[in-house]
Amino acid sequence: MSIGTRAAACTSCGKRLNRKQWYYRNGKYFCKKRCWVTESEKTASEAKKAEAAKEAPAAS
């Protein structure tokens, strides 16, 4: 993979990605595994909130 085809910054924290060190998961680039875990937890909690909001009006 060439440098021109990947992102220049981490998706989660915005930190600049080094040439030799970066973490690629689910179509996104991260600076470390910790940022990937943080981002995946964040998206899971947002999905859970959206699902709860979708069910709340139906229950009323």
C-alpha atoms as a PDB file:
ATOM      1  CA  MET A   1       0.000   0.000   0.000  1.00  0.00           C
ATOM      2  CA  SER A   2       1.429   3.358  -0.929  1.00  0.00           C
ATOM      3  CA  ILE A   3       1.449   6.402   1.285  1.00  0.00           C
ATOM      4  CA  GLY A   4      -0.707   8.312  -1.197  1.00  0.00           C
ATOM      5  CA  THR A   5      -3.634   5.913  -0.822  1.00  0.00           C
ATOM      6  CA  ARG A   6      -3.980   5.903   2.955  1.00  0.00           C
ATOM      7  CA  ALA A   7      -5.175   8.526   5.406  1.00  0.00           C
ATOM      8  CA  ALA A   8      -2.673  10.963   6.942  1.00  0.00           C
ATOM      9  CA  ALA A   9      -4.286  11.093  10.398  1.00  0.00           C
ATOM     10  CA  CYS A  10      -5.872   8.721  12.896  1.00  0.00           C
ATOM     11  CA  THR A  11      -9.652   8.445  12.549  1.00  0.00           C
ATOM     12  CA  SER A  12     -10.210   8.439  16.297  1.00  0.00           C
ATOM     13  CA  CYS A  13      -7.779  10.979  17.772  1.00  0.00           C
ATOM     14  CA  GLY A  14      -6.574  12.874  14.691  1.00  0.00           C
ATOM     15  CA  LYS A  15      -2.902  12.166  15.408  1.00  0.00           C
ATOM     16  CA  ARG A  16      -0.603  12.053  12.386  1.00  0.00           C
ATOM     17  CA  LEU A  17       0.171   8.519  11.199  1.00  0.00           C
ATOM     18  CA  ASN A  18       3.834   7.494  10.971  1.00  0.00           C
ATOM     19  CA  ARG A  19       5.233   5.861   7.881  1.00  0.00           C
ATOM     20  CA  LYS A  20       5.940   2.544   9.570  1.00  0.00           C
ATOM     21  CA  GLN A  21       3.326   2.486  12.286  1.00  0.00           C
ATOM     22  CA  TRP A  22      -0.402   2.498  11.676  1.00  0.00           C
ATOM     23  CA  TYR A  23      -3.339   0.224  12.378  1.00  0.00           C
ATOM     24  CA  TYR A  24      -5.962  -0.512   9.694  1.00  0.00           C
ATOM     25  CA  ARG A  25      -9.349  -1.984  10.621  1.00  0.00           C
ATOM     26  CA  ASN A  26     -12.832  -1.826   9.068  1.00  0.00           C
ATOM     27  CA  GLY A  27     -11.754   0.537   6.298  1.00  0.00           C
ATOM     28  CA  LYS A  28     -10.254   3.141   8.643  1.00  0.00           C
ATOM     29  CA  TYR A  29      -6.717   4.011   9.753  1.00  0.00           C
ATOM     30  CA  PHE A  30      -5.719   4.372  13.415  1.00  0.00           C
ATOM     31  CA  CYS A  31      -2.460   5.269  15.173  1.00  0.00           C
ATOM     32  CA  LYS A  32      -2.711   2.414  17.693  1.00  0.00           C
ATOM     33  CA  LYS A  33      -4.949  -0.487  18.605  1.00  0.00           C
ATOM     34  CA  ARG A  34      -6.184   1.549  21.582  1.00  0.00           C
ATOM     35  CA  CYS A  35      -7.694   4.148  19.215  1.00  0.00           C
ATOM     36  CA  TRP A  36      -9.431   1.409  17.237  1.00  0.00           C
ATOM     37  CA  VAL A  37     -10.938  -0.036  20.426  1.00  0.00           C
ATOM     38  CA  THR A  38     -12.081   3.436  21.522  1.00  0.00           C
ATOM     39  CA  GLU A  39     -13.690   4.116  18.154  1.00  0.00           C
ATOM     40  CA  SER A  40     -15.446   0.737  18.054  1.00  0.00           C
ATOM     41  CA  GLU A  41     -16.832   1.271  21.580  1.00  0.00           C
ATOM     42  CA  LYS A  42     -18.003   4.746  20.591  1.00  0.00           C
ATOM     43  CA  THR A  43     -19.847   3.492  17.506  1.00  0.00           C
ATOM     44  CA  ALA A  44     -21.424   0.649  19.501  1.00  0.00           C
ATOM     45  CA  SER A  45     -22.746   3.056  22.141  1.00  0.00           C
ATOM     46  CA  GLU A  46     -24.089   5.424  19.463  1.00  0.00           C
ATOM     47  CA  ALA A  47     -25.874   2.533  17.749  1.00  0.00           C
ATOM     48  CA  LYS A  48     -27.374   1.474  21.067  1.00  0.00           C
ATOM     49  CA  LYS A  49     -28.625   5.032  21.730  1.00  0.00           C
ATOM     50  CA  ALA A  50     -30.115   5.262  18.246  1.00  0.00           C
ATOM     51  CA  GLU A  51     -31.886   1.948  18.713  1.00  0.00           C
ATOM     52  CA  ALA A  52     -33.261   3.063  22.082  1.00  0.00           C
ATOM     53  CA  ALA A  53     -34.482   6.350  20.585  1.00  0.00           C
ATOM     54  CA  LYS A  54     -36.135   4.460  17.740  1.00  0.00           C
ATOM     55  CA  GLU A  55     -37.969   2.159  20.160  1.00  0.00           C
ATOM     56  CA  ALA A  56     -39.031   4.917  22.606  1.00  0.00           C
ATOM     57  CA  PRO A  57     -41.672   6.580  20.349  1.00  0.00           C
ATOM     58  CA  ALA A  58     -43.046   3.168  19.382  1.00  0.00           C
ATOM     59  CA  ALA A  59     -43.634   2.285  23.039  1.00  0.00           C
ATOM     60  CA  SER A  60     -45.692   5.441  23.703  1.00  0.00           C
END
